[in-house]
C-alpha atoms as a PDB file:
ATOM      1  CA  MET A   1      15.157  34.946   7.653  1.00  0.00           C
ATOM      2  CA  GLN A   2      16.229  32.179  10.047  1.00  0.00           C
ATOM      3  CA  ILE A   3      13.840  29.739   8.315  1.00  0.00           C
ATOM      4  CA  PHE A   4      15.451  30.481   4.945  1.00  0.00           C
ATOM      5  CA  ARG A   5      18.937  29.825   6.335  1.00  0.00           C
ATOM      6  CA  THR A   6      17.722  26.539   7.810  1.00  0.00           C
ATOM      7  CA  PHE A   7      16.165  25.192   4.588  1.00  0.00           C
ATOM      8  CA  ALA A   8      18.315  26.873   1.940  1.00  0.00           C
ATOM      9  CA  PRO A   9      21.055  24.199   1.955  1.00  0.00           C
ATOM     10  CA  HIS A  10      18.445  21.474   1.400  1.00  0.00           C
ATOM     11  CA  ILE A  11      16.858  23.379  -1.482  1.00  0.00           C
ATOM     12  CA  ILE A  12      20.243  23.955  -3.112  1.00  0.00           C
ATOM     13  CA  GLN A  13      21.181  20.285  -2.653  1.00  0.00           C
ATOM     14  CA  ALA A  14      17.884  19.110  -4.220  1.00  0.00           C
ATOM     15  CA  ARG A  15      18.379  21.353  -7.238  1.00  0.00           C
ATOM     16  CA  SER A  16      21.977  20.268  -7.774  1.00  0.00           C
ATOM     17  CA  MET A  17      21.184  16.528  -7.454  1.00  0.00           C
ATOM     18  CA  GLY A  18      17.989  16.599  -9.423  1.00  0.00           C
ATOM     19  CA  ILE A  19      14.726  16.664  -7.515  1.00  0.00           C
ATOM     20  CA  GLU A  20      13.875  12.979  -7.966  1.00  0.00           C
ATOM     21  CA  LYS A  21      17.324  11.765  -6.911  1.00  0.00           C
ATOM     22  CA  ALA A  22      17.196  14.058  -3.871  1.00  0.00           C
ATOM     23  CA  ILE A  23      13.713  12.854  -2.892  1.00  0.00           C
ATOM     24  CA  PHE A  24      14.742   9.197  -2.915  1.00  0.00           C
ATOM     25  CA  GLN A  25      18.303   9.605  -1.622  1.00  0.00           C
ATOM     26  CA  ARG A  26      17.594   8.040   1.778  1.00  0.00           C
ATOM     27  CA  THR A  27      15.466   5.235   0.348  1.00  0.00           C
ATOM     28  CA  GLU A  28      18.340   4.384  -1.981  1.00  0.00           C
ATOM     29  CA  LEU A  29      20.747   4.339   0.964  1.00  0.00           C
ATOM     30  CA  LEU A  30      18.463   1.864   2.712  1.00  0.00           C
ATOM     31  CA  LEU A  31      17.426  -0.382  -0.194  1.00  0.00           C
ATOM     32  CA  GLY A  32      20.161   0.182  -2.766  1.00  0.00           C
ATOM     33  CA  LYS A  33      20.408   1.594  -6.256  1.00  0.00           C
ATOM     34  CA  SER A  34      19.308  -1.673  -7.894  1.00  0.00           C
ATOM     35  CA  PHE A  35      16.016  -1.650  -5.964  1.00  0.00           C
ATOM     36  CA  MET A  36      15.350   1.968  -6.873  1.00  0.00           C
ATOM     37  CA  GLU A  37      15.952   1.268 -10.565  1.00  0.00           C
ATOM     38  CA  LYS A  38      13.614  -1.747 -10.464  1.00  0.00           C
ATOM     39  CA  ALA A  39      10.917   0.211  -8.627  1.00  0.00           C
ATOM     40  CA  ALA A  40      11.127   3.095 -11.087  1.00  0.00           C
ATOM     41  CA  SER A  41      10.652   0.718 -14.024  1.00  0.00           C
ATOM     42  CA  LYS A  42       7.503  -1.028 -12.702  1.00  0.00           C
ATOM     43  CA  ARG A  43       3.995  -0.246 -13.885  1.00  0.00           C
ATOM     44  CA  VAL A  44       1.267  -0.388 -11.232  1.00  0.00           C
ATOM     45  CA  ILE A  45      -2.519  -0.007 -11.429  1.00  0.00           C
ATOM     46  CA  ILE A  46      -4.761   0.490  -8.393  1.00  0.00           C
ATOM     47  CA  PHE A  47      -8.504  -0.071  -8.631  1.00  0.00           C
ATOM     48  CA  GLY A  48     -10.341   1.886  -5.941  1.00  0.00           C
ATOM     49  CA  ILE A  49      -8.639   4.819  -4.242  1.00  0.00           C
ATOM     50  CA  GLY A  50     -10.695   5.099  -1.093  1.00  0.00           C
ATOM     51  CA  GLY A  51      -9.674   4.141   2.425  1.00  0.00           C
ATOM     52  CA  VAL A  52      -7.175   1.494   1.261  1.00  0.00           C
ATOM     53  CA  GLY A  53      -6.227   2.457  -2.270  1.00  0.00           C
ATOM     54  CA  SER A  54      -5.420   6.123  -1.643  1.00  0.00           C
ATOM     55  CA  TRP A  55      -2.891   5.306   1.097  1.00  0.00           C
ATOM     56  CA  CYS A  56      -1.446   2.528  -1.027  1.00  0.00           C
ATOM     57  CA  ALA A  57      -0.957   4.923  -3.969  1.00  0.00           C
ATOM     58  CA  GLU A  58       0.923   7.452  -1.878  1.00  0.00           C
ATOM     59  CA  SER A  59       3.093   4.770  -0.267  1.00  0.00           C
ATOM     60  CA  LEU A  60       4.050   3.437  -3.701  1.00  0.00           C
ATOM     61  CA  ILE A  61       4.999   6.877  -5.025  1.00  0.00           C
ATOM     62  CA  ARG A  62       6.994   7.607  -1.858  1.00  0.00           C
ATOM     63  CA  SER A  63       8.776   4.250  -2.328  1.00  0.00           C
ATOM     64  CA  GLY A  64      10.005   5.054  -5.828  1.00  0.00           C
ATOM     65  CA  ILE A  65       7.286   3.698  -8.117  1.00  0.00           C
ATOM     66  CA  ARG A  66       7.222   6.118 -11.020  1.00  0.00           C
ATOM     67  CA  THR A  67       4.423   4.800 -13.282  1.00  0.00           C
ATOM     68  CA  LEU A  68       1.038   4.510 -11.581  1.00  0.00           C
ATOM     69  CA  THR A  69      -2.540   4.309 -12.844  1.00  0.00           C
ATOM     70  CA  ILE A  70      -5.307   5.096 -10.360  1.00  0.00           C
ATOM     71  CA  VAL A  71      -8.897   4.088 -11.092  1.00  0.00           C
ATOM     72  CA  ASP A  72     -12.030   5.214  -9.265  1.00  0.00           C
ATOM     73  CA  SER A  73     -15.370   6.582 -10.434  1.00  0.00           C
ATOM     74  CA  ASP A  74     -16.263   8.663  -7.388  1.00  0.00           C
ATOM     75  CA  ARG A  75     -15.942  12.226  -6.252  1.00  0.00           C
ATOM     76  CA  VAL A  76     -14.729  13.194  -2.793  1.00  0.00           C
ATOM     77  CA  CYS A  77     -17.599  13.088  -0.303  1.00  0.00           C
ATOM     78  CA  VAL A  78     -17.691  14.673   3.159  1.00  0.00           C
ATOM     79  CA  THR A  79     -17.828  11.160   4.665  1.00  0.00           C
ATOM     80  CA  ASN A  80     -14.437  10.397   3.050  1.00  0.00           C
ATOM     81  CA  VAL A  81     -12.592  13.122   4.968  1.00  0.00           C
ATOM     82  CA  ASN A  82     -11.826  11.013   8.051  1.00  0.00           C
ATOM     83  CA  ARG A  83     -10.256   8.088   6.164  1.00  0.00           C
ATOM     84  CA  GLN A  84      -9.198   8.850   2.592  1.00  0.00           C
ATOM     85  CA  LEU A  85      -5.872  10.489   1.871  1.00  0.00           C
ATOM     86  CA  MET A  86      -6.983  13.066  -0.700  1.00  0.00           C
ATOM     87  CA  ALA A  87     -10.258  13.903   1.064  1.00  0.00           C
ATOM     88  CA  THR A  88     -10.275  17.247   2.852  1.00  0.00           C
ATOM     89  CA  THR A  89     -12.959  19.861   3.335  1.00  0.00           C
ATOM     90  CA  ARG A  90     -11.348  21.724   0.407  1.00  0.00           C
ATOM     91  CA  THR A  91     -11.628  18.756  -1.993  1.00  0.00           C
ATOM     92  CA  ILE A  92     -15.264  17.777  -1.325  1.00  0.00           C
ATOM     93  CA  GLY A  93     -17.071  17.377  -4.657  1.00  0.00           C
ATOM     94  CA  GLN A  94     -13.897  17.020  -6.735  1.00  0.00           C
ATOM     95  CA  VAL A  95     -13.004  13.935  -8.769  1.00  0.00           C
ATOM     96  CA  LYS A  96     -11.017  11.593  -6.482  1.00  0.00           C
ATOM     97  CA  THR A  97      -8.558  10.469  -9.129  1.00  0.00           C
ATOM     98  CA  GLU A  98      -7.678  14.021 -10.148  1.00  0.00           C
ATOM     99  CA  VAL A  99      -7.223  15.229  -6.556  1.00  0.00           C
ATOM    100  CA  LEU A 100      -5.011  12.251  -5.697  1.00  0.00           C
ATOM    101  CA  LYS A 101      -3.020  12.625  -8.914  1.00  0.00           C
ATOM    102  CA  GLN A 102      -2.158  16.218  -8.010  1.00  0.00           C
ATOM    103  CA  ARG A 103      -1.077  15.182  -4.524  1.00  0.00           C
ATOM    104  CA  LEU A 104       1.126  12.384  -5.869  1.00  0.00           C
ATOM    105  CA  LEU A 105       2.760  14.746  -8.367  1.00  0.00           C
ATOM    106  CA  GLU A 106       3.558  17.122  -5.497  1.00  0.00           C
ATOM    107  CA  ILE A 107       5.546  14.260  -3.957  1.00  0.00           C
ATOM    108  CA  ASN A 108       7.330  13.271  -7.184  1.00  0.00           C
ATOM    109  CA  PRO A 109       6.780  15.691 -10.081  1.00  0.00           C
ATOM    110  CA  GLN A 110       8.529  13.264 -12.447  1.00  0.00           C
ATOM    111  CA  ALA A 111       6.081  10.413 -11.776  1.00  0.00           C
ATOM    112  CA  GLU A 112       3.759   9.340 -14.566  1.00  0.00           C
ATOM    113  CA  ILE A 113       0.318   9.252 -12.991  1.00  0.00           C
ATOM    114  CA  THR A 114      -2.697   8.255 -15.072  1.00  0.00           C
ATOM    115  CA  ALA A 115      -6.002   9.125 -13.410  1.00  0.00           C
ATOM    116  CA  LEU A 116      -9.058   7.292 -14.732  1.00  0.00           C
ATOM    117  CA  GLN A 117     -12.516   8.223 -13.470  1.00  0.00           C
ATOM    118  CA  ARG A 118     -14.075   4.871 -14.298  1.00  0.00           C
ATOM    119  CA  ILE A 119     -15.503   1.704 -12.798  1.00  0.00           C
ATOM    120  CA  TYR A 120     -13.864  -1.669 -13.372  1.00  0.00           C
ATOM    121  CA  SER A 121     -16.604  -4.108 -14.332  1.00  0.00           C
ATOM    122  CA  PRO A 122     -17.324  -6.930 -16.791  1.00  0.00           C
ATOM    123  CA  GLU A 123     -18.576  -4.268 -19.200  1.00  0.00           C
ATOM    124  CA  THR A 124     -15.463  -2.051 -18.982  1.00  0.00           C
ATOM    125  CA  HIS A 125     -12.633  -4.504 -18.292  1.00  0.00           C
ATOM    126  CA  GLU A 126     -11.249  -4.565 -21.831  1.00  0.00           C
ATOM    127  CA  SER A 127     -10.367  -0.862 -21.669  1.00  0.00           C
ATOM    128  CA  PHE A 128      -7.791  -1.422 -18.908  1.00  0.00           C
ATOM    129  CA  SER A 129      -5.121  -3.624 -20.595  1.00  0.00           C
ATOM    130  CA  LEU A 130      -4.258  -5.474 -17.395  1.00  0.00           C
ATOM    131  CA  GLU A 131      -1.512  -7.405 -19.168  1.00  0.00           C
ATOM    132  CA  SER A 132       0.529  -4.198 -19.508  1.00  0.00           C
ATOM    133  CA  TYR A 133       1.073  -3.876 -15.720  1.00  0.00           C
ATOM    134  CA  ASP A 134       3.633  -5.459 -13.425  1.00  0.00           C
ATOM    135  CA  PHE A 135       1.393  -5.086 -10.363  1.00  0.00           C
ATOM    136  CA  ILE A 136      -2.400  -4.955 -10.081  1.00  0.00           C
ATOM    137  CA  ILE A 137      -3.917  -3.801  -6.789  1.00  0.00           C
ATOM    138  CA  ASP A 138      -7.565  -4.325  -5.924  1.00  0.00           C
ATOM    139  CA  ALA A 139      -9.120  -1.957  -3.396  1.00  0.00           C
ATOM    140  CA  ILE A 140     -12.631  -2.137  -4.886  1.00  0.00           C
ATOM    141  CA  ASP A 141     -15.697  -2.036  -2.610  1.00  0.00           C
ATOM    142  CA  SER A 142     -18.178  -3.700  -4.986  1.00  0.00           C
ATOM    143  CA  LEU A 143     -18.064  -7.457  -4.451  1.00  0.00           C
ATOM    144  CA  THR A 144     -19.182  -8.269  -8.013  1.00  0.00           C
ATOM    145  CA  ASN A 145     -16.516  -6.061  -9.608  1.00  0.00           C
ATOM    146  CA  LYS A 146     -13.882  -7.220  -7.104  1.00  0.00           C
ATOM    147  CA  VAL A 147     -14.493 -10.882  -7.981  1.00  0.00           C
ATOM    148  CA  TYR A 148     -14.353 -10.115 -11.697  1.00  0.00           C
ATOM    149  CA  LEU A 149     -11.063  -8.218 -11.288  1.00  0.00           C
ATOM    150  CA  ILE A 150      -9.597 -11.117  -9.312  1.00  0.00           C
ATOM    151  CA  GLN A 151     -10.570 -13.522 -12.100  1.00  0.00           C
ATOM    152  CA  GLN A 152      -9.081 -11.324 -14.817  1.00  0.00           C
ATOM    153  CA  ALA A 153      -5.949 -10.215 -12.957  1.00  0.00           C
ATOM    154  CA  THR A 154      -4.911 -13.759 -12.090  1.00  0.00           C
ATOM    155  CA  ARG A 155      -4.847 -14.559 -15.806  1.00  0.00           C
ATOM    156  CA  THR A 156      -2.034 -12.045 -16.377  1.00  0.00           C
ATOM    157  CA  HIS A 157       1.677 -12.175 -15.572  1.00  0.00           C
ATOM    158  CA  ALA A 158       1.215  -9.334 -13.052  1.00  0.00           C
ATOM    159  CA  ILE A 159       1.630  -9.722  -9.324  1.00  0.00           C
ATOM    160  CA  PHE A 160      -1.826  -9.240  -7.863  1.00  0.00           C
ATOM    161  CA  PHE A 161      -2.855  -7.916  -4.445  1.00  0.00           C
ATOM    162  CA  SER A 162      -6.420  -7.709  -3.131  1.00  0.00           C
ATOM    163  CA  SER A 163      -7.422  -5.814   0.005  1.00  0.00           C
ATOM    164  CA  MET A 164     -10.411  -8.068   0.636  1.00  0.00           C
ATOM    165  CA  GLY A 165     -11.922  -5.142   2.514  1.00  0.00           C
ATOM    166  CA  ALA A 166     -15.379  -4.981   4.014  1.00  0.00           C
ATOM    167  CA  ALA A 167     -16.529  -1.532   2.952  1.00  0.00           C
ATOM    168  CA  ARG A 168     -19.301  -0.105   5.105  1.00  0.00           C
ATOM    169  CA  LYS A 169     -19.526  -3.339   7.128  1.00  0.00           C
ATOM    170  CA  MET A 170     -18.512  -4.170  10.684  1.00  0.00           C
ATOM    171  CA  ASP A 171     -18.446  -7.953  10.131  1.00  0.00           C
ATOM    172  CA  PRO A 172     -15.880  -8.889   7.448  1.00  0.00           C
ATOM    173  CA  THR A 173     -17.529 -12.291   6.842  1.00  0.00           C
END
């Protein structure tokens, strides 16, 4: 009963404000209403949602990004559990994009999350419409596909970020 009394005012406040406004109330206090409106209007795509991309996706949703596309072809593997956000012993074998999408919607149920279980490559690049995004984020492990994404993304108006990670390597060179 004590727990209910402790959290009840917060639940009532969230319902009266609207869940999304309540979630981002403190971020808006810090960054301002204008920032929150801009963030909510941006379209972001992340390629690769492993050790870098999964954490990036959650940070973006928690920061007020409302429209996010996540792209990865893999399923959660036991070796992902120690470093990937959506990987737990319960999610082993499940499609990474679907598991992460559900987690992100638990943070902001009003977010528009598109989960694509695909690989970005020279053969598939036309299906992604890169020009429709404001931000393109590369967290791809495959060097060939990473280089191709860099080439294509820099031809768009989007702001482009690349993790330049060294997946499964100790020497980043």
